[in-house]
């Protein structure tokens, strides 16, 4: 199992995530989801980069907390090898959400990572029934990660 993790350049005032812990939890998430042999790319980006991605791929001109780019489907899926895809987390948005909910930033980032990986695997939350199934799976994975 390979987890590639990229973050923004260190900049004063930018929220700091424990990348070693995030890599460990990403491996655990993949294991809980039965994806032990998979590869995953995780990027932590600033709001400006996230806003650009959100505009380009979803037509929404604002930053968001997490975007997923699955390689399990589409015209290049046969060339993906073990790579599930990319999960991009808006670190500044995640920090605001953590602050607003009283969560630790590392826990909020893991919550977003679970959500993003589930999207890679085909889960969605457009319809209410899909949303219920996805929330249940998010809770199941989060419980499995709890100490």
Protein backbone atom coordinates (compact mmCIF):
# COMPACT_ATOMS: atom_id res chain seq x y z
CA UNK A 1 0.00 0.00 0.00
CA UNK A 2 1.44 3.33 -1.07
CA UNK A 3 0.24 6.75 0.07
CA UNK A 4 1.75 9.74 -1.68
CA UNK A 5 1.34 12.93 0.30
CA UNK A 6 2.00 16.44 -0.97
CA UNK A 7 1.47 19.67 0.87
CA UNK A 8 1.83 23.37 0.21
CA UNK A 9 5.19 25.02 0.82
CA UNK A 10 5.67 25.95 4.46
CA UNK A 11 4.32 29.44 4.89
CA UNK A 12 3.80 31.46 8.01
CA UNK A 13 0.19 31.30 9.15
CA UNK A 14 -0.66 28.23 7.08
CA UNK A 15 -2.24 25.44 9.18
CA UNK A 16 0.13 22.58 9.97
CA UNK A 17 -0.95 18.96 9.66
CA UNK A 18 0.97 16.01 11.09
CA UNK A 19 1.87 14.39 7.77
CA UNK A 20 3.28 11.24 9.33
CA UNK A 21 0.01 10.69 11.21
CA UNK A 22 -2.00 11.48 8.05
CA UNK A 23 0.00 8.95 6.02
CA UNK A 24 -0.56 6.31 8.72
CA UNK A 25 -4.30 7.02 8.89
CA UNK A 26 -4.56 6.97 5.08
CA UNK A 27 -3.06 3.47 5.08
CA UNK A 28 -5.53 2.42 7.78
CA UNK A 29 -8.46 3.86 5.78
CA UNK A 30 -7.40 1.88 2.72
CA UNK A 31 -7.10 -1.26 4.85
CA UNK A 32 -10.55 -0.83 6.40
CA UNK A 33 -12.01 -0.37 2.91
CA UNK A 34 -10.34 -3.53 1.61
CA UNK A 35 -7.88 -1.67 -0.60
CA UNK A 36 -4.66 -3.00 0.94
CA UNK A 37 -2.76 -3.17 -2.37
CA UNK A 38 -3.90 0.24 -3.58
CA UNK A 39 -2.03 3.49 -4.08
CA UNK A 40 -3.45 6.84 -3.08
CA UNK A 41 -2.35 10.39 -3.79
CA UNK A 42 -3.26 13.00 -1.16
CA UNK A 43 -2.59 16.72 -1.63
CA UNK A 44 -3.04 19.45 0.94
CA UNK A 45 -3.56 22.78 -0.82
CA UNK A 46 -4.25 26.40 0.04
CA UNK A 47 -7.66 27.97 -0.58
CA UNK A 48 -6.50 29.70 -3.79
CA UNK A 49 -5.47 26.41 -5.38
CA UNK A 50 -8.63 24.70 -4.15
CA UNK A 51 -10.80 27.48 -5.58
CA UNK A 52 -9.11 27.07 -8.97
CA UNK A 53 -9.65 23.30 -8.94
CA UNK A 54 -13.26 23.67 -7.82
CA UNK A 55 -13.94 26.20 -10.60
CA UNK A 56 -12.26 24.09 -13.27
CA UNK A 57 -13.86 20.77 -12.34
CA UNK A 58 -17.18 21.70 -10.73
CA UNK A 59 -17.87 25.20 -12.04
CA UNK A 60 -17.96 26.64 -8.50
CA UNK A 61 -15.83 29.71 -7.90
CA UNK A 62 -15.07 29.18 -4.23
CA UNK A 63 -12.76 26.97 -2.23
CA UNK A 64 -14.13 23.70 -0.92
CA UNK A 65 -12.88 21.28 1.70
CA UNK A 66 -12.20 18.16 -0.39
CA UNK A 67 -12.16 17.08 -4.04
CA UNK A 68 -11.63 13.58 -5.39
CA UNK A 69 -10.35 12.55 -8.79
CA UNK A 70 -10.97 8.84 -9.28
CA UNK A 71 -8.95 6.74 -11.69
CA UNK A 72 -11.29 3.75 -11.37
CA UNK A 73 -13.38 4.97 -14.28
CA UNK A 74 -12.90 6.96 -17.44
CA UNK A 75 -10.87 6.58 -20.61
CA UNK A 76 -7.54 6.03 -18.86
CA UNK A 77 -8.69 3.61 -16.14
CA UNK A 78 -6.86 0.65 -17.68
CA UNK A 79 -3.53 2.47 -17.22
CA UNK A 80 -3.96 3.34 -13.53
CA UNK A 81 -2.17 0.31 -12.07
CA UNK A 82 -2.94 0.26 -8.35
CA UNK A 83 -3.61 4.01 -8.10
CA UNK A 84 -7.16 4.74 -6.91
CA UNK A 85 -6.85 8.44 -7.65
CA UNK A 86 -6.20 11.78 -6.00
CA UNK A 87 -7.79 13.31 -2.92
CA UNK A 88 -7.20 17.06 -2.61
CA UNK A 89 -7.89 18.67 0.76
CA UNK A 90 -8.22 22.42 1.22
CA UNK A 91 -6.15 22.88 4.32
CA UNK A 92 -7.30 26.42 5.13
CA UNK A 93 -10.97 25.45 4.75
CA UNK A 94 -10.33 22.34 6.86
CA UNK A 95 -8.75 24.51 9.56
CA UNK A 96 -11.80 26.82 9.62
CA UNK A 97 -14.16 23.83 9.83
CA UNK A 98 -12.09 22.29 12.63
CA UNK A 99 -12.17 25.56 14.54
CA UNK A 100 -15.94 25.97 13.99
CA UNK A 101 -16.74 22.43 15.17
CA UNK A 102 -14.15 22.23 17.96
CA UNK A 103 -12.27 19.39 16.24
CA UNK A 104 -8.53 18.94 16.09
CA UNK A 105 -7.20 19.87 12.62
CA UNK A 106 -5.64 16.42 12.14
CA UNK A 107 -9.00 14.78 12.92
CA UNK A 108 -10.81 17.09 10.50
CA UNK A 109 -8.33 16.29 7.74
CA UNK A 110 -8.83 12.55 8.33
CA UNK A 111 -12.61 13.04 8.22
CA UNK A 112 -12.20 14.75 4.83
CA UNK A 113 -9.81 12.05 3.65
CA UNK A 114 -12.35 9.33 4.47
CA UNK A 115 -14.98 11.28 2.54
CA UNK A 116 -12.63 11.76 -0.42
CA UNK A 117 -11.54 8.12 -0.57
CA UNK A 118 -15.17 6.99 -0.51
CA UNK A 119 -15.79 9.23 -3.52
CA UNK A 120 -12.82 7.58 -5.27
CA UNK A 121 -14.50 4.23 -4.70
CA UNK A 122 -17.78 5.39 -6.23
CA UNK A 123 -19.80 6.65 -3.27
CA UNK A 124 -21.80 9.83 -3.72
CA UNK A 125 -24.26 12.00 -1.82
CA UNK A 126 -26.35 13.61 -4.54
CA UNK A 127 -29.54 11.69 -3.67
CA UNK A 128 -30.70 11.21 -0.10
CA UNK A 129 -30.41 7.40 -0.18
CA UNK A 130 -26.83 7.66 -1.50
CA UNK A 131 -26.03 10.27 1.14
CA UNK A 132 -27.30 7.99 3.93
CA UNK A 133 -25.20 5.08 2.67
CA UNK A 134 -22.12 7.29 2.34
CA UNK A 135 -22.54 8.76 5.84
CA UNK A 136 -22.94 5.26 7.29
CA UNK A 137 -19.74 4.15 5.56
CA UNK A 138 -17.91 7.27 6.79
CA UNK A 139 -18.96 6.45 10.35
CA UNK A 140 -17.93 2.80 9.97
CA UNK A 141 -14.46 3.76 8.74
CA UNK A 142 -14.02 6.46 11.39
CA UNK A 143 -14.99 3.98 14.15
CA UNK A 144 -12.45 1.48 12.82
CA UNK A 145 -9.73 4.13 13.09
CA UNK A 146 -10.64 5.14 16.64
CA UNK A 147 -8.18 3.97 19.30
